Amino acid sequence: MRVFLETERLILRHFTDDDLELIVDVNSDPEVTWFITGGKPTPLEEVRDEVLPRWKSFYEQYEGFGYFAAIEKSTGEFLGWLIFRPNDKPVRADGSVREGIELGYRLRRSAWGKGYATEGSRALIRKGFTELGVDRVFAEALAVHGASRRVMEKAGLRYVGACRDDWPDHVPGDEHGDVEYALTKDEWAASAN
């Protein structure tokens, strides 16, 4: 197990092939994937043949960035994952540009409302600014996804504005578009004092 980062309650580690069923399980919960696929599960074959190999490729391409399995320290339970990666789609469908390192999270329902996404996000942001040479972190969500927006705010990101991208699946509420939140290294340093 390659540990990337530890927080008070979490271990963030690299994914391995042994995590296939865990990823499929999280992506099979329609409430977890509601704002991503409209609740449609990701088939095991797609996770095995496309998703997991792509996630693992980040570790080789980008030192210090990628998709990280979130493990609860006290129980060893797999909670989901956090994303801290260079974005491979810099221009959105509306022509606006994504700048910086993308922050994201997806946790199983049993982990919701316990502050894990915020705790992991803050730790990744701190590591990015202090060790990885990151100048700007951004995150996106559907405008109607209030819970995700609250995590962004609690993690210290600030609302930048509305944006719109093309998504492969229609999700109820996507007609309201997306929102971007972001934080620069200078803003983070000023708020830390």
N, C-alpha and C. Protein backbone atom coordinates (compact mmCIF):
# COMPACT_ATOMS: atom_id res chain seq x y z
N MET A 1 0.86 -1.19 0.00
CA MET A 1 0.00 0.00 0.00
C MET A 1 0.89 1.23 0.00
N ARG A 2 0.77 2.05 -1.02
CA ARG A 2 1.58 3.27 -1.12
C ARG A 2 0.77 4.43 -0.55
N VAL A 3 1.13 4.83 0.68
CA VAL A 3 0.46 5.95 1.33
C VAL A 3 0.98 7.25 0.72
N PHE A 4 0.06 8.09 0.32
CA PHE A 4 0.42 9.38 -0.26
C PHE A 4 0.38 10.48 0.80
N LEU A 5 -0.64 10.42 1.66
CA LEU A 5 -0.86 11.51 2.61
C LEU A 5 -1.71 10.99 3.76
N GLU A 6 -1.44 11.48 4.96
CA GLU A 6 -2.27 11.14 6.12
C GLU A 6 -2.80 12.42 6.75
N THR A 7 -4.02 12.33 7.25
CA THR A 7 -4.63 13.42 8.01
C THR A 7 -4.96 12.86 9.39
N GLU A 8 -5.65 13.62 10.18
CA GLU A 8 -6.02 13.14 11.51
C GLU A 8 -6.83 11.84 11.43
N ARG A 9 -7.76 11.76 10.46
CA ARG A 9 -8.64 10.59 10.39
C ARG A 9 -8.51 9.76 9.12
N LEU A 10 -7.72 10.22 8.17
CA LEU A 10 -7.68 9.57 6.86
C LEU A 10 -6.28 9.16 6.44
N ILE A 11 -6.24 8.11 5.65
CA ILE A 11 -5.06 7.76 4.87
C ILE A 11 -5.48 7.89 3.42
N LEU A 12 -4.72 8.65 2.65
CA LEU A 12 -4.93 8.75 1.21
C LEU A 12 -3.80 7.97 0.55
N ARG A 13 -4.16 6.97 -0.23
CA ARG A 13 -3.16 6.10 -0.85
C ARG A 13 -3.45 5.90 -2.32
N HIS A 14 -2.45 5.39 -3.02
CA HIS A 14 -2.61 5.06 -4.44
C HIS A 14 -3.56 3.88 -4.60
N PHE A 15 -4.28 3.88 -5.69
CA PHE A 15 -5.15 2.75 -6.04
C PHE A 15 -4.32 1.62 -6.62
N THR A 16 -4.81 0.39 -6.42
CA THR A 16 -4.20 -0.80 -7.02
C THR A 16 -5.32 -1.59 -7.69
N ASP A 17 -4.94 -2.62 -8.43
CA ASP A 17 -5.93 -3.48 -9.08
C ASP A 17 -6.85 -4.15 -8.06
N ASP A 18 -6.36 -4.34 -6.84
CA ASP A 18 -7.17 -4.97 -5.79
C ASP A 18 -8.36 -4.11 -5.36
N ASP A 19 -8.39 -2.85 -5.79
CA ASP A 19 -9.47 -1.94 -5.39
C ASP A 19 -10.65 -1.95 -6.36
N LEU A 20 -10.60 -2.80 -7.37
CA LEU A 20 -11.64 -2.81 -8.40
C LEU A 20 -13.04 -2.90 -7.81
N GLU A 21 -13.31 -3.88 -6.98
CA GLU A 21 -14.66 -4.08 -6.43
C GLU A 21 -15.09 -2.90 -5.57
N LEU A 22 -14.15 -2.29 -4.86
CA LEU A 22 -14.48 -1.13 -4.01
C LEU A 22 -14.95 0.05 -4.86
N ILE A 23 -14.27 0.28 -5.96
CA ILE A 23 -14.65 1.38 -6.86
C ILE A 23 -16.01 1.09 -7.48
N VAL A 24 -16.21 -0.13 -7.93
CA VAL A 24 -17.49 -0.52 -8.54
C VAL A 24 -18.62 -0.35 -7.53
N ASP A 25 -18.37 -0.73 -6.29
CA ASP A 25 -19.39 -0.62 -5.25
C ASP A 25 -19.83 0.83 -5.04
N VAL A 26 -18.87 1.74 -4.93
CA VAL A 26 -19.21 3.16 -4.75
C VAL A 26 -19.95 3.68 -5.98
N ASN A 27 -19.46 3.33 -7.16
CA ASN A 27 -20.08 3.81 -8.40
C ASN A 27 -21.38 3.11 -8.75
N SER A 28 -21.80 2.15 -7.92
CA SER A 28 -23.07 1.46 -8.14
C SER A 28 -24.19 2.02 -7.28
N ASP A 29 -23.86 2.93 -6.38
CA ASP A 29 -24.88 3.53 -5.52
C ASP A 29 -25.49 4.72 -6.26
N PRO A 30 -26.78 4.65 -6.63
CA PRO A 30 -27.38 5.73 -7.40
C PRO A 30 -27.40 7.08 -6.69
N GLU A 31 -27.41 7.07 -5.36
CA GLU A 31 -27.36 8.36 -4.65
C GLU A 31 -25.98 8.98 -4.74
N VAL A 32 -24.93 8.17 -4.74
CA VAL A 32 -23.57 8.68 -4.85
C VAL A 32 -23.32 9.25 -6.24
N THR A 33 -23.85 8.60 -7.26
CA THR A 33 -23.58 9.02 -8.64
C THR A 33 -24.67 9.91 -9.24
N TRP A 34 -25.64 10.30 -8.44
CA TRP A 34 -26.78 11.07 -8.95
C TRP A 34 -26.35 12.31 -9.72
N PHE A 35 -25.43 13.10 -9.17
CA PHE A 35 -25.02 14.36 -9.81
C PHE A 35 -23.92 14.16 -10.85
N ILE A 36 -23.58 12.90 -11.13
CA ILE A 36 -22.54 12.61 -12.11
C ILE A 36 -23.13 11.90 -13.33
N THR A 37 -23.90 10.84 -13.06
CA THR A 37 -24.48 10.05 -14.15
C THR A 37 -25.99 9.95 -14.07
N GLY A 38 -26.61 10.68 -13.17
CA GLY A 38 -28.04 10.56 -12.95
C GLY A 38 -28.40 9.27 -12.22
N GLY A 39 -27.39 8.68 -11.55
CA GLY A 39 -27.61 7.46 -10.78
C GLY A 39 -27.27 6.18 -11.51
N LYS A 40 -26.86 6.29 -12.76
CA LYS A 40 -26.51 5.11 -13.55
C LYS A 40 -25.17 4.55 -13.06
N PRO A 41 -25.09 3.24 -12.76
CA PRO A 41 -23.83 2.67 -12.28
C PRO A 41 -22.79 2.55 -13.40
N THR A 42 -21.53 2.52 -12.99
CA THR A 42 -20.44 2.28 -13.94
C THR A 42 -20.19 0.77 -13.97
N PRO A 43 -20.29 0.14 -15.13
CA PRO A 43 -20.10 -1.31 -15.20
C PRO A 43 -18.70 -1.74 -14.77
N LEU A 44 -18.61 -2.90 -14.17
CA LEU A 44 -17.33 -3.45 -13.71
C LEU A 44 -16.30 -3.46 -14.83
N GLU A 45 -16.70 -3.87 -16.02
CA GLU A 45 -15.77 -3.95 -17.15
C GLU A 45 -15.18 -2.58 -17.48
N GLU A 46 -16.00 -1.54 -17.40
CA GLU A 46 -15.51 -0.19 -17.69
C GLU A 46 -14.53 0.27 -16.62
N VAL A 47 -14.83 -0.04 -15.36
CA VAL A 47 -13.91 0.33 -14.28
C VAL A 47 -12.60 -0.43 -14.45
N ARG A 48 -12.69 -1.74 -14.73
CA ARG A 48 -11.49 -2.58 -14.86
C ARG A 48 -10.64 -2.19 -16.07
N ASP A 49 -11.29 -1.94 -17.22
CA ASP A 49 -10.56 -1.76 -18.47
C ASP A 49 -10.21 -0.31 -18.80
N GLU A 50 -10.96 0.65 -18.23
CA GLU A 50 -10.74 2.05 -18.57
C GLU A 50 -10.44 2.93 -17.36
N VAL A 51 -11.33 2.90 -16.38
CA VAL A 51 -11.23 3.83 -15.25
C VAL A 51 -9.98 3.57 -14.41
N LEU A 52 -9.83 2.38 -13.88
CA LEU A 52 -8.71 2.09 -12.99
C LEU A 52 -7.36 2.22 -13.69
N PRO A 53 -7.18 1.72 -14.92
CA PRO A 53 -5.89 1.94 -15.59
C PRO A 53 -5.58 3.43 -15.80
N ARG A 54 -6.61 4.22 -16.11
CA ARG A 54 -6.39 5.67 -16.29
C ARG A 54 -5.97 6.30 -14.98
N TRP A 55 -6.66 5.95 -13.89
CA TRP A 55 -6.31 6.50 -12.58
C TRP A 55 -4.88 6.15 -12.22
N LYS A 56 -4.49 4.90 -12.41
CA LYS A 56 -3.15 4.46 -12.05
C LYS A 56 -2.08 5.14 -12.92
N SER A 57 -2.43 5.49 -14.15
CA SER A 57 -1.46 6.14 -15.03
C SER A 57 -1.04 7.51 -14.52
N PHE A 58 -1.90 8.15 -13.74
CA PHE A 58 -1.56 9.47 -13.20
C PHE A 58 -0.32 9.41 -12.31
N TYR A 59 -0.16 8.34 -11.55
CA TYR A 59 0.97 8.23 -10.63
C TYR A 59 2.29 8.25 -11.37
N GLU A 60 2.32 7.69 -12.58
CA GLU A 60 3.54 7.67 -13.37
C GLU A 60 3.73 8.98 -14.15
N GLN A 61 2.64 9.55 -14.63
CA GLN A 61 2.72 10.77 -15.44
C GLN A 61 2.96 12.02 -14.60
N TYR A 62 2.36 12.07 -13.41
CA TYR A 62 2.37 13.30 -12.61
C TYR A 62 2.73 12.96 -11.17
N GLU A 63 3.97 13.15 -10.81
CA GLU A 63 4.42 12.86 -9.45
C GLU A 63 3.64 13.72 -8.45
N GLY A 64 2.97 13.07 -7.51
CA GLY A 64 2.24 13.78 -6.46
C GLY A 64 0.79 14.09 -6.78
N PHE A 65 0.31 13.66 -7.95
CA PHE A 65 -1.05 13.98 -8.34
C PHE A 65 -1.80 12.72 -8.75
N GLY A 66 -3.12 12.80 -8.75
CA GLY A 66 -3.91 11.68 -9.22
C GLY A 66 -5.16 11.45 -8.41
N TYR A 67 -5.57 10.19 -8.39
CA TYR A 67 -6.76 9.72 -7.68
C TYR A 67 -6.28 8.95 -6.46
N PHE A 68 -6.83 9.26 -5.29
CA PHE A 68 -6.35 8.67 -4.05
C PHE A 68 -7.48 8.00 -3.28
N ALA A 69 -7.27 6.74 -2.94
CA ALA A 69 -8.23 6.01 -2.13
C ALA A 69 -8.24 6.62 -0.73
N ALA A 70 -9.44 6.90 -0.22
CA ALA A 70 -9.59 7.46 1.13
C ALA A 70 -9.95 6.34 2.09
N ILE A 71 -9.08 6.11 3.05
CA ILE A 71 -9.24 5.04 4.03
C ILE A 71 -9.38 5.66 5.42
N GLU A 72 -10.39 5.24 6.16
CA GLU A 72 -10.55 5.72 7.53
C GLU A 72 -9.48 5.05 8.39
N LYS A 73 -8.68 5.87 9.07
CA LYS A 73 -7.56 5.35 9.87
C LYS A 73 -8.00 4.38 10.96
N SER A 74 -9.04 4.74 11.69
CA SER A 74 -9.40 3.97 12.88
C SER A 74 -9.98 2.59 12.54
N THR A 75 -10.60 2.45 11.36
CA THR A 75 -11.25 1.18 11.02
C THR A 75 -10.64 0.49 9.81
N GLY A 76 -9.88 1.23 8.99
CA GLY A 76 -9.36 0.67 7.75
C GLY A 76 -10.40 0.61 6.65
N GLU A 77 -11.57 1.20 6.88
CA GLU A 77 -12.66 1.15 5.91
C GLU A 77 -12.37 2.04 4.71
N PHE A 78 -12.66 1.52 3.52
CA PHE A 78 -12.57 2.28 2.28
C PHE A 78 -13.77 3.22 2.22
N LEU A 79 -13.51 4.52 2.12
CA LEU A 79 -14.58 5.51 2.13
C LEU A 79 -14.91 6.04 0.74
N GLY A 80 -13.98 5.93 -0.18
CA GLY A 80 -14.16 6.50 -1.51
C GLY A 80 -12.84 7.04 -2.00
N TRP A 81 -12.86 8.20 -2.67
CA TRP A 81 -11.62 8.75 -3.18
C TRP A 81 -11.66 10.25 -3.28
N LEU A 82 -10.45 10.80 -3.34
CA LEU A 82 -10.26 12.22 -3.59
C LEU A 82 -9.38 12.35 -4.83
N ILE A 83 -9.60 13.42 -5.56
CA ILE A 83 -8.88 13.69 -6.81
C ILE A 83 -8.08 14.96 -6.63
N PHE A 84 -6.84 14.93 -7.06
CA PHE A 84 -5.98 16.11 -7.06
C PHE A 84 -5.07 15.93 -8.28
N ARG A 85 -5.51 16.52 -9.41
CA ARG A 85 -4.85 16.18 -10.67
C ARG A 85 -4.85 17.32 -11.67
N PRO A 86 -3.87 17.28 -12.58
CA PRO A 86 -3.94 18.18 -13.73
C PRO A 86 -5.15 17.78 -14.56
N ASN A 87 -5.88 18.75 -15.04
CA ASN A 87 -7.09 18.45 -15.80
C ASN A 87 -6.73 18.17 -17.25
N ASP A 88 -7.34 17.14 -17.82
CA ASP A 88 -7.05 16.77 -19.21
C ASP A 88 -8.00 17.42 -20.20
N LYS A 89 -8.94 18.24 -19.71
CA LYS A 89 -9.84 18.99 -20.59
C LYS A 89 -9.79 20.46 -20.18
N PRO A 90 -8.76 21.19 -20.62
CA PRO A 90 -8.60 22.57 -20.13
C PRO A 90 -9.69 23.54 -20.56
N VAL A 91 -10.38 23.26 -21.68
CA VAL A 91 -11.42 24.19 -22.16
C VAL A 91 -12.79 23.52 -22.02
N ARG A 92 -13.71 24.22 -21.36
CA ARG A 92 -15.08 23.72 -21.21
C ARG A 92 -15.88 23.95 -22.49
N ALA A 93 -17.05 23.35 -22.55
CA ALA A 93 -17.93 23.49 -23.70
C ALA A 93 -18.31 24.94 -23.95
N ASP A 94 -18.40 25.74 -22.87
CA ASP A 94 -18.78 27.15 -23.04
C ASP A 94 -17.58 28.03 -23.42
N GLY A 95 -16.39 27.43 -23.60
CA GLY A 95 -15.21 28.18 -24.01
C GLY A 95 -14.37 28.68 -22.85
N SER A 96 -14.87 28.60 -21.62
CA SER A 96 -14.08 29.04 -20.47
C SER A 96 -12.97 28.03 -20.20
N VAL A 97 -11.90 28.52 -19.58
CA VAL A 97 -10.70 27.72 -19.39
C VAL A 97 -10.56 27.28 -17.94
N ARG A 98 -10.23 26.02 -17.76
CA ARG A 98 -9.91 25.51 -16.42
C ARG A 98 -8.43 25.78 -16.17
N GLU A 99 -8.14 26.44 -15.06
CA GLU A 99 -6.76 26.75 -14.72
C GLU A 99 -6.40 26.12 -13.39
N GLY A 100 -5.27 25.44 -13.35
CA GLY A 100 -4.77 24.89 -12.11
C GLY A 100 -4.99 23.40 -11.98
N ILE A 101 -4.90 22.95 -10.74
CA ILE A 101 -5.05 21.55 -10.39
C ILE A 101 -6.49 21.31 -9.94
N GLU A 102 -7.10 20.25 -10.45
CA GLU A 102 -8.49 19.95 -10.12
C GLU A 102 -8.58 19.17 -8.81
N LEU A 103 -9.48 19.61 -7.95
CA LEU A 103 -9.80 18.94 -6.70
C LEU A 103 -11.17 18.31 -6.84
N GLY A 104 -11.32 17.09 -6.36
CA GLY A 104 -12.62 16.43 -6.41
C GLY A 104 -12.70 15.34 -5.36
N TYR A 105 -13.90 14.80 -5.18
CA TYR A 105 -14.12 13.78 -4.16
C TYR A 105 -15.38 13.01 -4.49
N ARG A 106 -15.37 11.74 -4.11
CA ARG A 106 -16.56 10.90 -4.20
C ARG A 106 -16.47 9.90 -3.05
N LEU A 107 -17.42 9.99 -2.16
CA LEU A 107 -17.42 9.12 -0.98
C LEU A 107 -18.70 8.32 -0.91
N ARG A 108 -18.59 7.13 -0.35
CA ARG A 108 -19.80 6.31 -0.15
C ARG A 108 -20.72 7.02 0.84
N ARG A 109 -21.99 6.72 0.77
CA ARG A 109 -22.99 7.41 1.60
C ARG A 109 -22.70 7.33 3.08
N SER A 110 -22.18 6.21 3.56
CA SER A 110 -21.89 6.06 4.99
C SER A 110 -20.86 7.06 5.48
N ALA A 111 -20.11 7.68 4.56
CA ALA A 111 -19.09 8.66 4.93
C ALA A 111 -19.56 10.10 4.78
N TRP A 112 -20.76 10.30 4.27
CA TRP A 112 -21.27 11.65 4.06
C TRP A 112 -21.53 12.35 5.38
N GLY A 113 -21.36 13.66 5.38
CA GLY A 113 -21.71 14.49 6.53
C GLY A 113 -20.78 14.36 7.73
N LYS A 114 -19.63 13.75 7.54
CA LYS A 114 -18.69 13.54 8.65
C LYS A 114 -17.42 14.37 8.49
N GLY A 115 -17.35 15.18 7.47
CA GLY A 115 -16.20 16.06 7.27
C GLY A 115 -15.00 15.43 6.59
N TYR A 116 -15.14 14.19 6.10
CA TYR A 116 -14.01 13.53 5.47
C TYR A 116 -13.58 14.23 4.17
N ALA A 117 -14.54 14.61 3.33
CA ALA A 117 -14.20 15.26 2.07
C ALA A 117 -13.49 16.58 2.32
N THR A 118 -13.96 17.33 3.32
CA THR A 118 -13.33 18.60 3.66
C THR A 118 -11.92 18.37 4.21
N GLU A 119 -11.79 17.42 5.12
CA GLU A 119 -10.48 17.13 5.72
C GLU A 119 -9.47 16.69 4.66
N GLY A 120 -9.86 15.79 3.80
CA GLY A 120 -8.96 15.33 2.74
C GLY A 120 -8.64 16.43 1.75
N SER A 121 -9.64 17.25 1.41
CA SER A 121 -9.42 18.35 0.46
C SER A 121 -8.45 19.37 1.02
N ARG A 122 -8.62 19.75 2.27
CA ARG A 122 -7.70 20.71 2.88
C ARG A 122 -6.27 20.19 2.89
N ALA A 123 -6.11 18.90 3.19
CA ALA A 123 -4.77 18.31 3.23
C ALA A 123 -4.14 18.30 1.84
N LEU A 124 -4.92 17.96 0.82
CA LEU A 124 -4.39 17.98 -0.54
C LEU A 124 -4.02 19.39 -0.98
N ILE A 125 -4.86 20.36 -0.67
CA ILE A 125 -4.57 21.75 -1.00
C ILE A 125 -3.27 22.19 -0.32
N ARG A 126 -3.14 21.90 0.96
CA ARG A 126 -1.93 22.28 1.71
C ARG A 126 -0.69 21.64 1.07
N LYS A 127 -0.76 20.35 0.79
CA LYS A 127 0.38 19.66 0.17
C LYS A 127 0.69 20.26 -1.21
N GLY A 128 -0.35 20.55 -1.97
CA GLY A 128 -0.15 21.14 -3.29
C GLY A 128 0.58 22.46 -3.22
N PHE A 129 0.17 23.32 -2.31
CA PHE A 129 0.78 24.64 -2.21
C PHE A 129 2.15 24.62 -1.54
N THR A 130 2.35 23.72 -0.59
CA THR A 130 3.62 23.73 0.16
C THR A 130 4.68 22.79 -0.40
N GLU A 131 4.27 21.73 -1.12
CA GLU A 131 5.26 20.75 -1.57
C GLU A 131 5.27 20.48 -3.07
N LEU A 132 4.18 20.74 -3.75
CA LEU A 132 4.06 20.30 -5.14
C LEU A 132 4.12 21.43 -6.16
N GLY A 133 4.33 22.66 -5.71
CA GLY A 133 4.47 23.78 -6.64
C GLY A 133 3.17 24.23 -7.30
N VAL A 134 2.05 23.93 -6.69
CA VAL A 134 0.75 24.32 -7.24
C VAL A 134 0.51 25.82 -6.99
N ASP A 135 -0.02 26.50 -8.01
CA ASP A 135 -0.35 27.93 -7.87
C ASP A 135 -1.85 28.17 -7.71
N ARG A 136 -2.67 27.24 -8.23
CA ARG A 136 -4.13 27.42 -8.18
C ARG A 136 -4.81 26.05 -8.15
N VAL A 137 -5.81 25.93 -7.30
CA VAL A 137 -6.63 24.73 -7.20
C VAL A 137 -8.05 25.13 -7.57
N PHE A 138 -8.74 24.30 -8.35
CA PHE A 138 -10.13 24.57 -8.66
C PHE A 138 -10.96 23.31 -8.49
N ALA A 139 -12.25 23.50 -8.32
CA ALA A 139 -13.20 22.39 -8.25
C ALA A 139 -14.48 22.83 -8.94
N GLU A 140 -15.22 21.85 -9.45
CA GLU A 140 -16.47 22.13 -10.15
C GLU A 140 -17.56 21.21 -9.64
N ALA A 141 -18.78 21.69 -9.76
CA ALA A 141 -19.95 20.88 -9.44
C ALA A 141 -21.13 21.43 -10.21
N LEU A 142 -22.17 20.62 -10.32
CA LEU A 142 -23.41 21.16 -10.85
C LEU A 142 -23.88 22.27 -9.92
N ALA A 143 -24.45 23.30 -10.47
CA ALA A 143 -24.92 24.42 -9.65
C ALA A 143 -25.91 23.96 -8.59
N VAL A 144 -26.68 22.91 -8.88
CA VAL A 144 -27.71 22.45 -7.94
C VAL A 144 -27.16 21.48 -6.88
N HIS A 145 -25.87 21.16 -6.93
CA HIS A 145 -25.29 20.20 -5.99
C HIS A 145 -24.77 20.93 -4.74
N GLY A 146 -25.70 21.26 -3.86
CA GLY A 146 -25.38 22.05 -2.67
C GLY A 146 -24.36 21.40 -1.75
N ALA A 147 -24.42 20.09 -1.55
CA ALA A 147 -23.49 19.43 -0.63
C ALA A 147 -22.05 19.55 -1.13
N SER A 148 -21.84 19.36 -2.42
CA SER A 148 -20.49 19.47 -2.97
C SER A 148 -19.99 20.90 -2.88
N ARG A 149 -20.86 21.85 -3.13
CA ARG A 149 -20.48 23.26 -3.03
C ARG A 149 -20.08 23.62 -1.60
N ARG A 150 -20.77 23.05 -0.61
CA ARG A 150 -20.42 23.34 0.79
C ARG A 150 -19.04 22.78 1.13
N VAL A 151 -18.71 21.60 0.60
CA VAL A 151 -17.37 21.05 0.84
C VAL A 151 -16.31 21.98 0.25
N MET A 152 -16.54 22.47 -0.94
CA MET A 152 -15.59 23.39 -1.57
C MET A 152 -15.37 24.62 -0.69
N GLU A 153 -16.47 25.17 -0.20
CA GLU A 153 -16.37 26.36 0.65
C GLU A 153 -15.64 26.05 1.95
N LYS A 154 -15.96 24.93 2.59
CA LYS A 154 -15.31 24.56 3.84
C LYS A 154 -13.82 24.26 3.64
N ALA A 155 -13.47 23.80 2.45
CA ALA A 155 -12.07 23.53 2.14
C ALA A 155 -11.30 24.81 1.84
N GLY A 156 -11.99 25.94 1.76
CA GLY A 156 -11.33 27.23 1.56
C GLY A 156 -11.43 27.79 0.16
N LEU A 157 -12.05 27.06 -0.77
CA LEU A 157 -12.19 27.57 -2.13
C LEU A 157 -13.27 28.64 -2.17
N ARG A 158 -13.12 29.54 -3.12
CA ARG A 158 -14.07 30.65 -3.26
C ARG A 158 -14.82 30.51 -4.59
N TYR A 159 -16.07 30.93 -4.57
CA TYR A 159 -16.89 30.88 -5.78
C TYR A 159 -16.29 31.79 -6.84
N VAL A 160 -16.05 31.24 -8.04
CA VAL A 160 -15.51 32.00 -9.15
C VAL A 160 -16.63 32.43 -10.08
N GLY A 161 -17.54 31.49 -10.39
CA GLY A 161 -18.64 31.84 -11.27
C GLY A 161 -19.27 30.62 -11.91
N ALA A 162 -20.28 30.91 -12.70
CA ALA A 162 -20.99 29.86 -13.42
C ALA A 162 -20.18 29.45 -14.65
N CYS A 163 -20.35 28.22 -15.06
CA CYS A 163 -19.71 27.71 -16.26
C CYS A 163 -20.59 26.59 -16.81
N ARG A 164 -20.25 26.08 -17.96
CA ARG A 164 -21.03 24.99 -18.54
C ARG A 164 -20.10 24.08 -19.32
N ASP A 165 -20.31 22.79 -19.09
CA ASP A 165 -19.55 21.79 -19.83
C ASP A 165 -20.51 20.74 -20.36
N ASP A 166 -20.05 19.97 -21.32
CA ASP A 166 -20.85 18.87 -21.85
C ASP A 166 -20.57 17.64 -21.01
N TRP A 167 -21.62 16.98 -20.57
CA TRP A 167 -21.49 15.76 -19.79
C TRP A 167 -22.10 14.62 -20.58
N PRO A 168 -21.53 13.43 -20.48
CA PRO A 168 -22.05 12.32 -21.28
C PRO A 168 -23.45 11.89 -20.87
N ASP A 169 -23.84 12.15 -19.63
CA ASP A 169 -25.16 11.73 -19.16
C ASP A 169 -25.95 12.96 -18.72
N HIS A 170 -27.24 12.97 -19.08
CA HIS A 170 -28.13 14.03 -18.59
C HIS A 170 -28.43 13.77 -17.12
N VAL A 171 -28.31 14.80 -16.32
CA VAL A 171 -28.59 14.72 -14.89
C VAL A 171 -29.65 15.77 -14.58
N PRO A 172 -30.72 15.39 -13.89
CA PRO A 172 -31.71 16.40 -13.52
C PRO A 172 -31.05 17.57 -12.79
N GLY A 173 -31.31 18.77 -13.29
CA GLY A 173 -30.70 19.97 -12.72
C GLY A 173 -29.53 20.49 -13.52
N ASP A 174 -29.04 19.68 -14.49
CA ASP A 174 -27.88 20.14 -15.24
C ASP A 174 -28.21 21.31 -16.18
N GLU A 175 -29.50 21.56 -16.38
CA GLU A 175 -29.88 22.73 -17.18
C GLU A 175 -29.48 24.04 -16.50
N HIS A 176 -29.18 23.98 -15.19
CA HIS A 176 -28.74 25.16 -14.46
C HIS A 176 -27.23 25.37 -14.56
N GLY A 177 -26.55 24.44 -15.21
CA GLY A 177 -25.12 24.59 -15.45
C GLY A 177 -24.26 24.16 -14.26
N ASP A 178 -23.00 24.53 -14.37
CA ASP A 178 -21.99 24.17 -13.39
C ASP A 178 -21.49 25.43 -12.70
N VAL A 179 -20.73 25.21 -11.64
CA VAL A 179 -20.07 26.31 -10.95
C VAL A 179 -18.61 25.93 -10.72
N GLU A 180 -17.77 26.94 -10.71
CA GLU A 180 -16.35 26.74 -10.41
C GLU A 180 -16.03 27.47 -9.11
N TYR A 181 -15.26 26.79 -8.28
CA TYR A 181 -14.68 27.36 -7.07
C TYR A 181 -13.18 27.22 -7.21
N ALA A 182 -12.41 28.15 -6.63
CA ALA A 182 -10.96 28.07 -6.77
C ALA A 182 -10.26 28.76 -5.59
N LEU A 183 -8.98 28.48 -5.49
CA LEU A 183 -8.14 29.08 -4.46
C LEU A 183 -6.72 29.16 -5.02
N THR A 184 -6.11 30.35 -4.90
CA THR A 184 -4.72 30.49 -5.32
C THR A 184 -3.81 30.31 -4.12
N LYS A 185 -2.56 30.07 -4.42
CA LYS A 185 -1.56 29.91 -3.35
C LYS A 185 -1.49 31.16 -2.49
N ASP A 186 -1.52 32.33 -3.11
CA ASP A 186 -1.46 33.59 -2.36
C ASP A 186 -2.68 33.76 -1.46
N GLU A 187 -3.87 33.43 -1.97
CA GLU A 187 -5.08 33.52 -1.14
C GLU A 187 -5.00 32.55 0.03
N TRP A 188 -4.52 31.35 -0.23
CA TRP A 188 -4.38 30.34 0.82
C TRP A 188 -3.39 30.82 1.89
N ALA A 189 -2.25 31.36 1.46
CA ALA A 189 -1.24 31.85 2.41
C ALA A 189 -1.78 32.99 3.24
N ALA A 190 -2.54 33.88 2.62
CA ALA A 190 -3.10 35.02 3.37
C ALA A 190 -4.12 34.57 4.39
N SER A 191 -4.90 33.55 4.06
CA SER A 191 -5.92 33.06 5.01
C SER A 191 -5.31 32.22 6.12
N ALA A 192 -4.12 31.69 5.91
CA ALA A 192 -3.46 30.87 6.93
C ALA A 192 -2.85 31.71 8.04
N ASN A 193 -2.69 33.00 7.80
CA ASN A 193 -2.09 33.89 8.81
C ASN A 193 -3.11 34.50 9.73
